[in-house]
Protein backbone atom coordinates (compact mmCIF):
# COMPACT_ATOMS: atom_id res chain seq x y z
CA ALA A 1 78.11 95.19 116.07
CA TRP A 2 81.32 97.01 116.99
CA ARG A 3 83.18 93.95 118.31
CA PHE A 4 83.83 91.18 115.85
CA GLY A 5 86.13 88.71 117.61
CA THR A 6 89.25 87.01 116.32
CA THR A 7 89.86 85.95 112.74
CA GLU A 8 89.23 82.32 113.69
CA ALA A 9 85.97 83.18 115.46
CA ARG A 10 84.75 85.12 112.42
CA ARG A 11 85.81 82.30 110.10
CA ARG A 12 83.78 79.79 112.12
CA LEU A 13 80.79 82.12 112.08
CA LEU A 14 80.98 82.47 108.30
CA GLU A 15 81.25 78.70 108.04
CA ARG A 16 78.03 78.32 110.03
CA LEU A 17 76.12 81.18 108.40
CA ARG A 18 76.97 80.27 104.80
CA PRO A 19 76.06 83.78 103.58
CA THR A 20 74.93 84.48 100.01
CA ASP A 21 74.98 87.51 97.74
CA ASN A 22 71.44 88.28 98.95
CA ASP A 23 72.79 89.14 102.41
CA ASP A 24 73.61 92.65 103.60
CA ARG A 25 76.84 93.73 101.86
CA ALA A 26 78.05 96.20 104.50
CA ALA A 27 77.50 93.71 107.34
CA LEU A 28 79.41 91.00 105.47
CA ARG A 29 82.31 93.36 104.77
CA ARG A 30 82.53 94.25 108.47
CA LEU A 31 82.42 90.60 109.47
CA CYS A 32 85.15 89.64 106.96
CA VAL A 33 87.56 92.34 108.08
CA GLY A 34 86.58 92.65 111.74
CA GLU A 35 86.38 96.44 111.54
CA HIS A 36 83.25 98.60 111.50
CA GLY A 37 84.78 100.99 108.96
CA ALA A 38 85.07 98.19 106.39
CA GLY A 39 81.33 98.52 105.77
CA ASP A 40 81.57 102.19 104.78
CA VAL A 41 80.71 103.05 101.19
CA GLY A 42 84.15 104.50 100.46
CA ALA A 43 86.16 101.64 101.99
CA THR A 44 88.18 99.27 99.78
CA LEU A 45 88.77 95.64 100.71
CA TYR A 46 91.87 93.79 99.54
CA LEU A 47 93.11 90.22 99.60
CA LEU A 48 96.84 89.51 99.32
CA GLU A 49 97.54 87.18 96.38
CA GLY A 50 100.82 85.67 95.24
CA VAL A 51 102.68 87.19 98.20
CA PRO A 52 104.56 85.19 100.87
CA LYS A 53 102.92 84.70 104.25
CA GLY A 54 104.04 86.98 107.03
CA LEU A 55 103.33 90.36 105.42
CA GLU A 56 99.67 90.69 106.39
CA ARG A 57 100.14 92.83 109.51
CA VAL A 58 102.51 95.30 107.86
CA VAL A 59 100.45 95.59 104.67
CA GLU A 60 97.30 96.15 106.72
CA ALA A 61 99.02 98.95 108.66
CA ILE A 62 100.13 100.57 105.39
CA LEU A 63 96.62 100.34 103.94
CA HIS A 64 95.21 102.02 107.06
CA SER A 65 97.79 104.81 106.89
CA THR A 66 97.54 105.60 103.18
CA ALA A 67 93.88 105.01 102.32
CA ASN A 68 90.45 103.98 103.60
CA ALA A 69 91.35 100.37 102.88
CA TYR A 70 91.35 97.06 104.71
CA LEU A 71 92.89 93.61 104.31
CA VAL A 72 90.72 90.49 104.35
CA PRO A 73 92.58 87.60 106.04
CA ILE A 74 93.20 84.65 103.73
CA GLU A 75 91.48 82.32 106.25
CA ILE A 76 88.31 84.40 105.85
CA ALA A 77 88.56 84.66 102.08
CA ASP A 78 88.87 80.88 101.81
CA GLU A 79 85.31 80.62 103.19
CA LEU A 80 83.93 82.86 100.43
CA PRO A 81 83.01 81.51 96.98
CA PRO A 82 84.01 83.75 94.02
CA ARG A 83 80.48 85.11 93.56
CA LEU A 84 80.32 86.20 97.20
CA ARG A 85 83.77 87.80 97.02
CA GLN A 86 82.51 89.80 94.07
CA HIS A 87 79.34 90.80 95.95
CA ILE A 88 81.40 91.95 98.95
CA GLY A 89 83.81 93.80 96.65
CA ILE A 90 87.12 92.18 97.56
CA LYS A 91 89.96 93.21 95.24
CA ALA A 92 93.17 91.26 94.72
CA LEU A 93 96.36 92.91 95.96
CA ASP A 94 99.02 91.11 93.94
CA THR A 95 102.72 91.92 93.53
CA PRO A 96 102.21 94.85 91.07
CA GLY A 97 99.49 96.26 93.34
CA LEU A 98 101.67 95.90 96.42
CA GLU A 99 104.56 97.56 94.61
CA ALA A 100 102.35 100.50 93.65
CA LEU A 101 101.13 100.79 97.26
CA LEU A 102 104.67 100.81 98.66
CA GLU A 103 105.88 103.30 96.04
CA GLN A 104 103.36 105.82 97.39
CA ASP A 105 105.21 106.05 100.70
CA THR A 106 108.15 103.75 101.45
CA SER A 107 108.41 105.18 104.98
CA ALA A 108 105.00 103.72 105.89
CA ILE A 109 106.71 100.39 106.58
CA ALA A 110 108.89 101.95 109.28
CA SER A 111 105.76 103.21 111.07
CA ALA A 112 104.54 99.61 111.29
CA GLN A 113 107.82 98.59 113.01
CA PRO A 114 108.26 95.28 111.15
CA THR A 115 109.77 92.33 113.00
CA PRO A 116 112.91 90.57 111.63
CA THR A 117 110.64 87.81 110.27
CA GLU A 118 108.44 90.35 108.47
CA CYS A 119 111.51 92.09 107.04
CA GLU A 120 112.73 88.77 105.64
CA ALA A 121 109.28 88.10 104.17
CA PHE A 122 109.63 91.21 102.00
CA LEU A 123 112.85 89.76 100.55
CA LEU A 124 110.95 86.65 99.50
CA THR A 125 108.48 88.63 97.36
CA GLN A 126 108.76 89.35 93.65
CA LEU A 127 109.00 93.09 94.32
CA SER A 128 111.59 94.83 92.17
CA ASP A 129 115.19 95.01 93.37
CA GLN A 130 115.13 98.80 93.07
CA LEU A 131 112.15 99.10 95.44
CA LEU A 132 113.47 96.54 97.93
CA ARG A 133 116.74 98.47 98.25
CA ARG A 134 114.79 101.58 99.24
CA LEU A 135 112.47 99.93 101.75
CA PRO A 136 113.37 100.26 105.47
CA ILE A 137 113.58 96.49 106.02
CA HIS A 138 117.34 95.92 106.20
CA ALA A 139 119.12 95.27 109.53
CA ARG A 140 122.38 97.22 109.42
CA SER A 141 125.63 97.26 111.37
CA ASP A 142 124.80 100.70 112.80
CA GLY A 143 121.96 99.06 114.73
CA LYS A 144 119.23 100.58 112.56
CA ILE A 145 116.58 99.04 110.34
CA GLY A 146 116.76 101.07 107.16
CA SER A 147 117.22 101.07 103.43
CA ALA A 148 120.07 99.25 101.71
CA GLU A 149 121.33 102.39 99.99
CA GLY A 150 124.97 103.08 100.79
CA VAL A 151 125.26 99.74 102.60
CA TYR A 152 127.61 96.87 101.78
CA ARG A 153 127.54 93.12 102.21
CA GLU A 154 130.60 91.56 103.83
CA ALA A 155 132.20 89.01 101.51
CA SER A 156 135.68 87.61 100.90
CA TRP A 157 137.49 90.98 100.90
CA PRO A 158 137.98 92.11 104.55
CA ILE A 159 136.99 95.57 105.77
CA PRO A 160 140.02 97.31 107.36
CA GLU A 161 139.44 98.18 111.00
CA ALA A 162 140.31 101.81 110.31
CA LEU A 163 137.44 102.04 107.80
CA ARG A 164 134.84 100.12 109.80
CA PRO A 165 133.41 103.25 111.50
CA HIS A 166 132.69 104.64 108.01
CA VAL A 167 131.25 101.48 106.43
CA HIS A 168 127.70 100.32 107.04
CA THR A 169 127.13 96.64 106.37
CA ILE A 170 124.05 94.48 106.26
CA TRP A 171 123.28 91.69 108.73
CA PRO A 172 122.71 88.39 106.87
CA CYS A 173 119.17 87.04 107.01
CA ASN A 174 118.39 83.74 108.69
CA SER A 175 116.76 81.99 105.75
CA LYS A 176 118.80 80.84 102.77
CA GLN A 177 116.34 82.32 100.25
CA ALA A 178 116.41 85.72 101.91
CA ARG A 179 120.23 85.68 102.04
CA GLN A 180 120.32 84.90 98.32
CA ARG A 181 118.09 87.91 97.67
CA GLN A 182 120.43 90.05 99.80
CA GLU A 183 123.33 88.93 97.61
CA GLN A 184 121.33 90.03 94.58
CA LEU A 185 120.37 93.38 96.06
CA ILE A 186 123.40 94.57 97.99
CA GLU A 187 126.90 95.26 96.71
CA ALA A 188 129.61 93.09 98.23
CA TRP A 189 132.51 94.87 99.92
CA SER A 190 135.45 94.74 97.49
CA PRO A 191 138.79 96.40 96.70
CA GLN A 192 136.90 98.87 94.48
CA SER A 193 134.46 99.86 97.23
CA GLN A 194 137.35 100.16 99.69
CA ILE A 195 139.09 102.65 97.39
CA ARG A 196 135.87 104.66 97.01
CA ILE A 197 135.32 104.91 100.78
CA ALA A 198 138.99 105.66 101.49
CA LEU A 199 138.99 108.52 98.98
CA ALA A 200 135.64 109.93 100.05
């Protein structure tokens, strides 16, 4: 079959079929992912683990762009007992694995055009501060979604109007947790930063 239906339709089918490790491995892999290529010998199947919800679409796009790899939706994986997951060959993509994937090509996220909600979801991960600063997930005052390098966070010290054209700031996230991570990642505008920009 080349058409596999929605994730929910495939989940219900798995629930009815109750497959075992005696069933055709390639067919099961295609059914789990919903893509014909997932049954190919060289394809790798991943399941996101220990990562906040909301990143699935972007991670899947990155996997497609960097390797012959696919993401198994968590709703599908929940229907599979451990032995069947092993038979199908589903590998866990945890925080260290996701970090290694993103390090290969940080620009791959931009190609996926993440939504504001997806950008915030990255800030809720346990990815390293250094990597998060470099990822193009930060909404900036110049109207772009880019990295946080060379960008400031507005705080108690005001930015002089004369300097504003030369200072890129970050837009605060909606969620409290994401804003707290921004505070951890991004330097607050201060008298010291004002002197640096003025002398540059």
